[in-house]
Amino acid sequence: MIYPTIDPVALQLGPLSIHWYGLMYVFGFLLVNWLSKRQLIEQGLWQKDVSSEHFEGLFTTLILGVIVGGRLAYVLFYQTEYYLAHPLEVLYIWQGGMSFHGGMIGPVIAGWYYCKRHGLPFFKLLDVIFIVAPLGLALGRLGNFINGELWGRATDVPWAMVFEHVDQLPRHPSQLYELALEGIALFVLLWFTRHFKWPEGSRFGVFLIGYAVARIFCEFFREPDEQLGFLFSFVTMGMQLSAAMFVGGFMWLWWMKQRAQAA
């Protein structure tokens, strides 16, 4: 099967190019915004504990956190030497280069600061947002597939694809694996838990563990980053960061349990 080459530019307006990848980010943020608001309404928190003004301000802060955190983590973990030699290019986010793990930590820190400053229920909002965040991840992986990037390892499975801009080897369409597991499957799991009476903040811990498991599994089919390769044996940078995320998820759940008992 030949990878269906798709024009990464969705719309050309004179000198302005609107890329599908950027649109996936926009669609993802809008979808997460809408479903988060729906949950707040269901829980009776809308306009009571969280005003529309504060909610939109929070989302703007989260978007900035995703961009800054994702970019800095990519620079730190994936291309350190290059950006030390070309420091100004750290700002060239339109050239690509984002790390999910930083794109997750960034909005958590930014969201905590915003909630503390405005007296918003941080742990409740953390759960509400990360229950639906996997849908944003799914759209991001769809953007990766459209761009023909982050392709998989060579294989002989029947559904393998030849990414002709890479080589003539049939490869795993690993972007679609990640879309299905890190995105849709993780969303279904978390959405199913939203009515369970767990300590506030627990869903975020489940998100960390669920994403880590899905990402580590998918890394076995994804071609390692060219500039890094395998860190040792079969371990990739994505696996290493996700393993830390897995441990952090259990530590987070323990903290939420202790916090609930103390309250």
Protein backbone atom coordinates (compact mmCIF):
# COMPACT_ATOMS: atom_id res chain seq x y z
CA MET A 1 0.00 0.00 0.00
CA ILE A 2 1.39 3.40 -0.98
CA TYR A 3 1.09 6.22 1.53
CA PRO A 4 -1.54 8.59 0.09
CA THR A 5 0.51 11.74 -0.30
CA ILE A 6 -1.59 14.64 1.00
CA ASP A 7 -0.82 18.28 0.43
CA PRO A 8 0.11 19.57 3.92
CA VAL A 9 -1.26 22.99 2.94
CA ALA A 10 -5.01 23.05 3.47
CA LEU A 11 -5.54 26.57 2.14
CA GLN A 12 -3.33 29.07 0.34
CA LEU A 13 -4.29 32.73 0.75
CA GLY A 14 -1.71 34.67 -1.23
CA PRO A 15 1.55 34.44 0.71
CA LEU A 16 -0.27 32.89 3.70
CA SER A 17 -0.28 29.09 3.92
CA ILE A 18 -2.69 27.38 6.29
CA HIS A 19 -1.39 23.89 7.06
CA TRP A 20 -3.48 20.87 8.04
CA TYR A 21 -1.18 20.27 11.00
CA GLY A 22 -1.91 23.71 12.41
CA LEU A 23 -5.62 23.22 11.79
CA MET A 24 -5.49 19.95 13.75
CA TYR A 25 -4.17 21.89 16.74
CA VAL A 26 -6.97 24.45 16.36
CA PHE A 27 -9.67 21.77 16.02
CA GLY A 28 -8.20 19.90 18.98
CA PHE A 29 -8.25 22.93 21.26
CA LEU A 30 -11.83 23.77 20.22
CA LEU A 31 -13.03 20.22 20.84
CA VAL A 32 -11.35 19.98 24.24
CA ASN A 33 -12.74 23.42 25.13
CA TRP A 34 -16.30 22.39 24.23
CA LEU A 35 -16.24 19.03 26.00
CA SER A 36 -14.60 20.52 29.09
CA LYS A 37 -17.31 23.17 29.27
CA ARG A 38 -19.97 20.47 28.88
CA GLN A 39 -18.55 18.60 31.88
CA LEU A 40 -18.50 21.73 34.02
CA ILE A 41 -22.18 22.31 33.19
CA GLU A 42 -23.01 18.67 34.06
CA GLN A 43 -21.23 19.00 37.40
CA GLY A 44 -22.95 22.30 38.25
CA LEU A 45 -19.65 24.19 38.30
CA TRP A 46 -20.27 26.42 35.27
CA GLN A 47 -20.72 30.09 36.22
CA LYS A 48 -20.62 29.01 39.87
CA ASP A 49 -17.04 27.95 40.54
CA VAL A 50 -15.79 28.76 37.03
CA SER A 51 -16.98 31.83 35.13
CA SER A 52 -16.93 31.94 31.33
CA GLU A 53 -14.34 34.73 31.48
CA HIS A 54 -11.99 32.72 33.71
CA PHE A 55 -12.54 29.57 31.66
CA GLU A 56 -11.52 31.23 28.40
CA GLY A 57 -8.59 32.89 30.14
CA LEU A 58 -7.53 29.49 31.45
CA PHE A 59 -7.68 27.96 27.99
CA THR A 60 -5.56 30.74 26.51
CA THR A 61 -3.02 30.07 29.25
CA LEU A 62 -3.11 26.32 28.54
CA ILE A 63 -2.51 26.87 24.82
CA LEU A 64 0.57 28.95 25.63
CA GLY A 65 1.68 26.24 28.05
CA VAL A 66 1.37 23.56 25.35
CA ILE A 67 3.42 25.58 22.86
CA VAL A 68 6.15 26.68 25.27
CA GLY A 69 6.39 23.36 27.12
CA GLY A 70 6.30 21.27 23.97
CA ARG A 71 8.97 23.35 22.27
CA LEU A 72 11.35 23.54 25.23
CA ALA A 73 11.11 19.80 25.87
CA TYR A 74 11.89 19.08 22.21
CA VAL A 75 14.91 21.36 22.37
CA LEU A 76 16.09 19.80 25.63
CA PHE A 77 15.55 16.11 24.87
CA TYR A 78 15.69 15.77 21.08
CA GLN A 79 17.90 18.44 19.49
CA THR A 80 20.03 19.91 22.29
CA GLU A 81 23.30 20.25 20.37
CA TYR A 82 21.66 21.75 17.31
CA TYR A 83 19.82 24.46 19.25
CA LEU A 84 22.87 25.26 21.36
CA ALA A 85 24.56 26.07 18.05
CA HIS A 86 21.47 27.88 16.66
CA PRO A 87 19.75 29.41 19.74
CA LEU A 88 17.51 31.81 17.80
CA GLU A 89 15.88 28.88 16.01
CA VAL A 90 14.33 27.79 19.30
CA LEU A 91 11.72 30.42 18.44
CA TYR A 92 11.05 29.02 14.95
CA ILE A 93 8.12 26.84 16.01
CA TRP A 94 6.64 27.01 12.49
CA GLN A 95 9.51 24.74 11.37
CA GLY A 96 8.16 21.96 13.60
CA GLY A 97 9.69 20.24 16.60
CA MET A 98 7.35 19.69 19.55
CA SER A 99 7.50 17.10 22.32
CA PHE A 100 4.27 15.72 23.74
CA HIS A 101 5.75 15.21 27.19
CA GLY A 102 6.67 18.88 27.45
CA GLY A 103 3.35 19.78 25.85
CA MET A 104 1.68 18.01 28.75
CA ILE A 105 3.79 19.43 31.59
CA GLY A 106 3.66 23.00 30.24
CA PRO A 107 -0.12 23.47 30.49
CA VAL A 108 -0.26 21.74 33.89
CA ILE A 109 2.19 24.26 35.33
CA ALA A 110 0.57 27.19 33.52
CA GLY A 111 -2.91 26.01 34.54
CA TRP A 112 -1.88 25.64 38.18
CA TYR A 113 -0.56 29.20 38.23
CA TYR A 114 -3.69 30.60 36.57
CA CYS A 115 -6.03 28.71 38.91
CA LYS A 116 -4.09 29.81 41.98
CA ARG A 117 -4.12 33.42 40.86
CA HIS A 118 -7.87 33.45 40.16
CA GLY A 119 -9.06 31.11 42.89
CA LEU A 120 -10.25 28.34 40.56
CA PRO A 121 -10.56 24.63 41.54
CA PHE A 122 -7.33 23.37 39.98
CA PHE A 123 -7.73 19.64 40.60
CA LYS A 124 -11.33 19.57 39.37
CA LEU A 125 -10.36 21.43 36.20
CA LEU A 126 -7.34 19.18 35.73
CA ASP A 127 -9.63 16.14 35.63
CA VAL A 128 -12.19 17.81 33.38
CA ILE A 129 -9.60 18.84 30.80
CA PHE A 130 -7.47 15.70 30.77
CA ILE A 131 -10.50 13.43 30.41
CA VAL A 132 -10.95 14.86 26.90
CA ALA A 133 -7.35 15.86 26.11
CA PRO A 134 -6.75 12.54 24.25
CA LEU A 135 -9.05 13.75 21.47
CA GLY A 136 -6.67 16.64 20.90
CA LEU A 137 -3.83 14.12 20.77
CA ALA A 138 -5.74 12.06 18.20
CA LEU A 139 -6.08 15.08 15.93
CA GLY A 140 -2.39 15.86 16.40
CA ARG A 141 -1.48 12.34 15.26
CA LEU A 142 -3.77 12.76 12.28
CA GLY A 143 -1.76 15.88 11.47
CA ASN A 144 1.44 13.81 11.69
CA PHE A 145 -0.04 11.30 9.22
CA ILE A 146 -1.08 14.05 6.80
CA ASN A 147 2.45 15.47 6.98
CA GLY A 148 3.91 12.02 6.33
CA GLU A 149 6.14 12.33 9.41
CA LEU A 150 6.92 10.09 12.40
CA TRP A 151 6.58 7.02 10.20
CA GLY A 152 6.96 3.47 11.45
CA ARG A 153 9.58 0.78 11.18
CA ALA A 154 9.92 -1.51 8.18
CA THR A 155 7.51 -4.47 8.27
CA ASP A 156 5.73 -7.04 6.13
CA VAL A 157 2.25 -6.75 7.71
CA PRO A 158 -0.59 -6.57 5.13
CA TRP A 159 -1.51 -2.98 6.04
CA ALA A 160 2.05 -1.64 5.76
CA MET A 161 2.54 1.58 3.81
CA VAL A 162 5.36 2.75 1.57
CA PHE A 163 6.28 6.33 2.45
CA GLU A 164 7.89 7.15 -0.89
CA HIS A 165 9.38 10.42 0.38
CA VAL A 166 11.38 8.28 2.85
CA ASP A 167 12.28 5.11 0.93
CA GLN A 168 10.64 2.15 -0.81
CA LEU A 169 10.28 -0.04 2.29
CA PRO A 170 6.80 -0.97 3.55
CA ARG A 171 6.44 0.49 7.03
CA HIS A 172 4.03 0.53 9.95
CA PRO A 173 1.64 3.53 9.75
CA SER A 174 2.56 4.19 13.36
CA GLN A 175 0.87 7.60 13.37
CA LEU A 176 -2.46 5.78 13.04
CA TYR A 177 -1.57 3.37 15.83
CA GLU A 178 -0.91 6.33 18.11
CA LEU A 179 -4.10 8.04 16.97
CA ALA A 180 -6.09 4.94 17.92
CA LEU A 181 -4.41 4.16 21.27
CA GLU A 182 -3.11 7.45 22.68
CA GLY A 183 -6.14 9.26 21.34
CA ILE A 184 -9.40 7.39 20.89
CA ALA A 185 -8.87 4.42 23.25
CA LEU A 186 -7.53 6.60 26.06
CA PHE A 187 -10.41 9.06 25.62
CA VAL A 188 -12.99 6.25 25.83
CA LEU A 189 -11.36 4.95 29.02
CA LEU A 190 -11.27 8.36 30.71
CA TRP A 191 -14.73 9.43 29.51
CA PHE A 192 -16.14 6.23 31.04
CA THR A 193 -14.65 7.14 34.45
CA ARG A 194 -16.06 10.65 34.70
CA HIS A 195 -19.02 9.62 36.89
CA PHE A 196 -16.94 7.51 39.28
CA LYS A 197 -16.46 9.03 42.73
CA TRP A 198 -12.69 9.20 42.78
CA PRO A 199 -10.56 11.80 44.60
CA GLU A 200 -10.20 15.05 42.66
CA GLY A 201 -7.24 14.96 40.31
CA SER A 202 -7.23 11.16 39.99
CA ARG A 203 -8.20 11.16 36.32
CA PHE A 204 -5.02 13.03 35.52
CA GLY A 205 -3.06 10.19 37.09
CA VAL A 206 -5.00 7.68 34.97
CA PHE A 207 -4.23 9.82 31.91
CA LEU A 208 -0.50 9.72 32.69
CA ILE A 209 -0.48 5.95 33.12
CA GLY A 210 -2.73 5.26 30.13
CA TYR A 211 -0.78 7.50 27.78
CA ALA A 212 2.54 6.04 28.93
CA VAL A 213 1.39 2.47 28.27
CA ALA A 214 0.00 3.37 24.83
CA ARG A 215 3.09 5.37 23.84
CA ILE A 216 5.57 2.72 24.95
CA PHE A 217 3.64 0.09 22.99
CA CYS A 218 3.53 2.26 19.86
CA GLU A 219 7.25 3.04 20.12
CA PHE A 220 7.97 -0.59 19.23
CA PHE A 221 6.47 0.13 15.79
CA ARG A 222 7.66 3.71 15.29
CA GLU A 223 11.00 4.52 13.66
CA PRO A 224 13.30 6.09 16.28
CA ASP A 225 14.17 9.75 15.81
CA GLU A 226 16.96 9.96 13.23
CA GLN A 227 19.18 12.24 15.29
CA LEU A 228 18.91 10.02 18.39
CA GLY A 229 18.29 6.45 17.29
CA PHE A 230 18.06 3.96 20.14
CA LEU A 231 19.37 5.27 23.44
CA PHE A 232 20.42 1.72 24.37
CA SER A 233 19.25 -1.72 23.29
CA PHE A 234 15.66 -1.25 22.05
CA VAL A 235 14.88 1.83 24.20
CA THR A 236 13.94 5.11 22.50
CA MET A 237 13.66 8.59 23.96
CA GLY A 238 9.86 8.33 23.75
CA MET A 239 9.95 5.12 25.80
CA GLN A 240 12.24 6.63 28.41
CA LEU A 241 10.13 9.75 28.90
CA SER A 242 6.93 7.68 28.95
CA ALA A 243 8.38 5.31 31.56
CA ALA A 244 9.00 8.30 33.81
CA MET A 245 5.44 9.43 33.08
CA PHE A 246 4.13 5.96 34.04
CA VAL A 247 5.85 6.08 37.42
CA GLY A 248 4.73 9.67 37.90
CA GLY A 249 1.12 8.65 37.26
CA PHE A 250 1.13 6.17 40.15
CA MET A 251 2.85 8.67 42.42
CA TRP A 252 0.20 11.22 41.48
CA LEU A 253 -2.63 8.78 42.30
CA TRP A 254 -1.05 8.07 45.69
CA TRP A 255 -0.79 11.80 46.39
CA MET A 256 -4.44 12.37 45.43
CA LYS A 257 -5.52 9.57 47.76
CA GLN A 258 -3.48 11.01 50.64
CA ARG A 259 -4.83 14.47 49.91
CA ALA A 260 -8.44 13.22 49.96
CA GLN A 261 -7.92 11.37 53.24
CA ALA A 262 -6.35 14.43 54.85
CA ALA A 263 -9.33 16.55 53.77
